[in-house]
């Protein structure tokens, strides 16, 4: 049984994606993600920028990572064919949990990865995000989103934008 179900007509994905706005997204799409993908690792500055884009709350912990640790962890994540290692090694970095690790993969990996967060999960029928993520949960979510994007003929970025935007417009504030 699939635990995810989209709360809106998937045909609305392009329209919802167009309404999405978030500061500095262009920097992630045109500069940071492509640079890290081409180099197959993140510099400390790039990594800090991407983590701040996802969440300001973890800034001091993210900043405490050594440049060499960031380089090696992201190099492994972007090069290995093993999914558990891809996401797992990113979670070893200070200030990084599943949502931020999925953001790293979303913007810098050649394979399509969704960003897992409370807004996207709510748009996929999850009333309350899990207290702890597991690889199995994240992988089910990733496969569900890949399949949905493929069936709808949209990019993973547009699907992510649409899920976030739908939640922003419809999720009751006490659940956010």
Protein backbone atom coordinates (compact mmCIF):
# COMPACT_ATOMS: atom_id res chain seq x y z
CA UNK A 1 0.00 0.00 0.00
CA UNK A 2 1.34 3.43 -0.93
CA UNK A 3 1.39 5.88 1.97
CA UNK A 4 1.38 8.94 -0.31
CA UNK A 5 -1.57 10.37 -2.24
CA UNK A 6 -1.60 13.75 -3.90
CA UNK A 7 -4.25 16.08 -2.46
CA UNK A 8 -4.89 17.94 -5.70
CA UNK A 9 -5.40 17.19 -9.37
CA UNK A 10 -1.90 16.47 -10.74
CA UNK A 11 -2.80 18.42 -13.86
CA UNK A 12 -2.44 21.54 -11.67
CA UNK A 13 1.27 20.95 -11.06
CA UNK A 14 2.46 23.42 -13.76
CA UNK A 15 0.06 26.14 -12.57
CA UNK A 16 1.04 25.71 -8.91
CA UNK A 17 4.73 25.66 -9.82
CA UNK A 18 4.38 29.00 -11.61
CA UNK A 19 2.93 30.61 -8.47
CA UNK A 20 5.87 29.45 -6.33
CA UNK A 21 8.35 32.10 -5.22
CA UNK A 22 11.23 31.62 -2.82
CA UNK A 23 14.27 33.86 -2.35
CA UNK A 24 17.56 32.88 -4.00
CA UNK A 25 16.16 29.86 -5.85
CA UNK A 26 17.85 31.07 -9.05
CA UNK A 27 21.22 30.98 -7.29
CA UNK A 28 20.66 27.32 -6.36
CA UNK A 29 19.52 26.41 -9.89
CA UNK A 30 21.99 28.37 -11.99
CA UNK A 31 25.12 28.59 -9.88
CA UNK A 32 25.48 26.42 -6.80
CA UNK A 33 23.85 23.19 -8.00
CA UNK A 34 25.51 23.10 -11.43
CA UNK A 35 28.93 24.02 -10.01
CA UNK A 36 28.79 21.26 -7.41
CA UNK A 37 27.47 18.77 -9.98
CA UNK A 38 30.28 19.55 -12.43
CA UNK A 39 32.95 19.37 -9.73
CA UNK A 40 31.21 16.42 -7.99
CA UNK A 41 31.44 18.05 -4.55
CA UNK A 42 30.47 21.21 -2.69
CA UNK A 43 32.78 23.90 -1.44
CA UNK A 44 32.11 25.11 2.09
CA UNK A 45 30.64 28.40 0.85
CA UNK A 46 28.30 26.64 -1.60
CA UNK A 47 27.23 24.17 1.03
CA UNK A 48 26.53 26.91 3.56
CA UNK A 49 24.50 28.89 1.00
CA UNK A 50 22.41 25.86 0.07
CA UNK A 51 21.80 24.92 3.72
CA UNK A 52 20.78 28.49 4.56
CA UNK A 53 18.40 28.45 1.59
CA UNK A 54 16.72 25.39 3.08
CA UNK A 55 16.77 26.51 6.72
CA UNK A 56 18.27 29.39 8.66
CA UNK A 57 17.77 27.52 11.96
CA UNK A 58 20.78 25.24 11.49
CA UNK A 59 23.25 27.93 10.43
CA UNK A 60 25.70 27.69 13.34
CA UNK A 61 25.80 23.89 13.16
CA UNK A 62 26.24 23.91 9.37
CA UNK A 63 29.00 26.52 9.68
CA UNK A 64 30.89 24.28 12.12
CA UNK A 65 31.59 21.68 9.40
CA UNK A 66 35.20 21.65 8.19
CA UNK A 67 35.67 22.35 4.47
CA UNK A 68 37.40 18.96 3.98
CA UNK A 69 34.50 17.11 5.61
CA UNK A 70 31.98 18.91 3.39
CA UNK A 71 34.05 18.17 0.29
CA UNK A 72 34.47 14.45 1.05
CA UNK A 73 30.90 13.84 2.24
CA UNK A 74 29.36 15.58 -0.76
CA UNK A 75 31.83 13.91 -3.13
CA UNK A 76 30.71 10.50 -1.86
CA UNK A 77 27.02 11.49 -2.04
CA UNK A 78 27.28 12.73 -5.62
CA UNK A 79 29.41 9.83 -6.88
CA UNK A 80 28.15 6.64 -5.25
CA UNK A 81 25.50 4.50 -6.94
CA UNK A 82 24.21 3.29 -3.55
CA UNK A 83 21.16 5.25 -2.41
CA UNK A 84 21.60 4.55 1.32
CA UNK A 85 25.11 5.97 1.16
CA UNK A 86 24.02 8.97 -0.95
CA UNK A 87 21.55 10.24 1.60
CA UNK A 88 23.25 8.75 4.66
CA UNK A 89 26.63 10.41 4.25
CA UNK A 90 24.98 13.82 3.96
CA UNK A 91 23.20 13.24 7.26
CA UNK A 92 26.64 12.92 8.91
CA UNK A 93 27.29 16.62 8.35
CA UNK A 94 26.53 18.91 11.30
CA UNK A 95 23.20 20.70 10.92
CA UNK A 96 22.02 18.38 8.14
CA UNK A 97 18.98 16.16 8.45
CA UNK A 98 16.83 14.47 5.83
CA UNK A 99 15.21 17.65 4.46
CA UNK A 100 18.56 19.39 3.93
CA UNK A 101 20.25 16.23 2.63
CA UNK A 102 17.43 15.82 0.10
CA UNK A 103 17.92 19.47 -0.91
CA UNK A 104 21.60 18.81 -1.63
CA UNK A 105 20.65 15.92 -3.90
CA UNK A 106 17.75 17.85 -5.46
CA UNK A 107 19.94 20.67 -6.73
CA UNK A 108 23.19 18.85 -7.47
CA UNK A 109 22.64 15.24 -8.48
CA UNK A 110 22.11 14.09 -12.05
CA UNK A 111 19.23 11.86 -10.87
CA UNK A 112 15.98 13.58 -9.90
CA UNK A 113 15.42 13.91 -6.15
CA UNK A 114 12.51 15.60 -4.39
CA UNK A 115 12.99 17.77 -1.33
CA UNK A 116 11.34 16.14 1.66
CA UNK A 117 9.72 18.58 4.07
CA UNK A 118 6.48 19.12 5.95
CA UNK A 119 4.87 21.12 3.12
CA UNK A 120 5.53 18.55 0.41
CA UNK A 121 4.49 15.70 2.69
CA UNK A 122 1.23 17.43 3.59
CA UNK A 123 0.48 17.95 -0.11
CA UNK A 124 0.94 14.20 -0.49
CA UNK A 125 -1.59 13.32 2.20
CA UNK A 126 0.66 13.11 5.27
CA UNK A 127 -1.08 14.95 8.10
CA UNK A 128 1.91 14.91 10.42
CA UNK A 129 5.48 14.34 9.34
CA UNK A 130 7.25 11.44 11.00
CA UNK A 131 9.20 12.22 14.16
CA UNK A 132 12.18 10.38 12.65
CA UNK A 133 12.84 9.70 8.99
CA UNK A 134 14.21 6.37 7.84
CA UNK A 135 15.86 5.41 4.61
CA UNK A 136 12.79 3.34 3.65
CA UNK A 137 10.44 6.28 4.19
CA UNK A 138 12.65 8.68 2.23
CA UNK A 139 13.13 6.15 -0.57
CA UNK A 140 9.37 5.49 -0.84
CA UNK A 141 8.84 9.25 -1.02
CA UNK A 142 11.57 9.65 -3.66
CA UNK A 143 10.17 6.87 -5.84
CA UNK A 144 6.62 8.18 -5.48
CA UNK A 145 7.69 11.69 -6.55
CA UNK A 146 9.79 10.39 -9.45
CA UNK A 147 6.86 8.35 -10.70
CA UNK A 148 4.44 11.27 -10.31
CA UNK A 149 6.76 13.69 -12.13
CA UNK A 150 7.31 11.18 -14.95
CA UNK A 151 3.57 10.45 -15.35
CA UNK A 152 2.75 14.15 -15.40
CA UNK A 153 5.63 15.09 -17.72
CA UNK A 154 7.06 17.68 -15.31
CA UNK A 155 10.51 18.24 -13.88
CA UNK A 156 11.26 17.31 -10.30
CA UNK A 157 11.84 21.01 -9.61
CA UNK A 158 8.35 21.88 -10.84
CA UNK A 159 6.82 19.07 -8.81
CA UNK A 160 8.66 20.28 -5.71
CA UNK A 161 7.49 23.85 -6.31
CA UNK A 162 3.90 22.69 -6.79
CA UNK A 163 3.84 20.55 -3.63
CA UNK A 164 5.28 23.41 -1.58
CA UNK A 165 2.91 25.99 -3.08
CA UNK A 166 -0.19 23.85 -2.63
CA UNK A 167 0.65 23.42 1.06
CA UNK A 168 1.35 27.13 1.48
CA UNK A 169 -2.05 27.97 0.00
CA UNK A 170 -4.11 25.21 1.65
CA UNK A 171 -2.49 23.70 4.74
CA UNK A 172 -4.07 24.85 8.00
CA UNK A 173 -1.53 26.94 9.92
CA UNK A 174 -1.74 24.86 13.09
CA UNK A 175 -0.34 21.90 11.10
CA UNK A 176 2.49 23.82 9.44
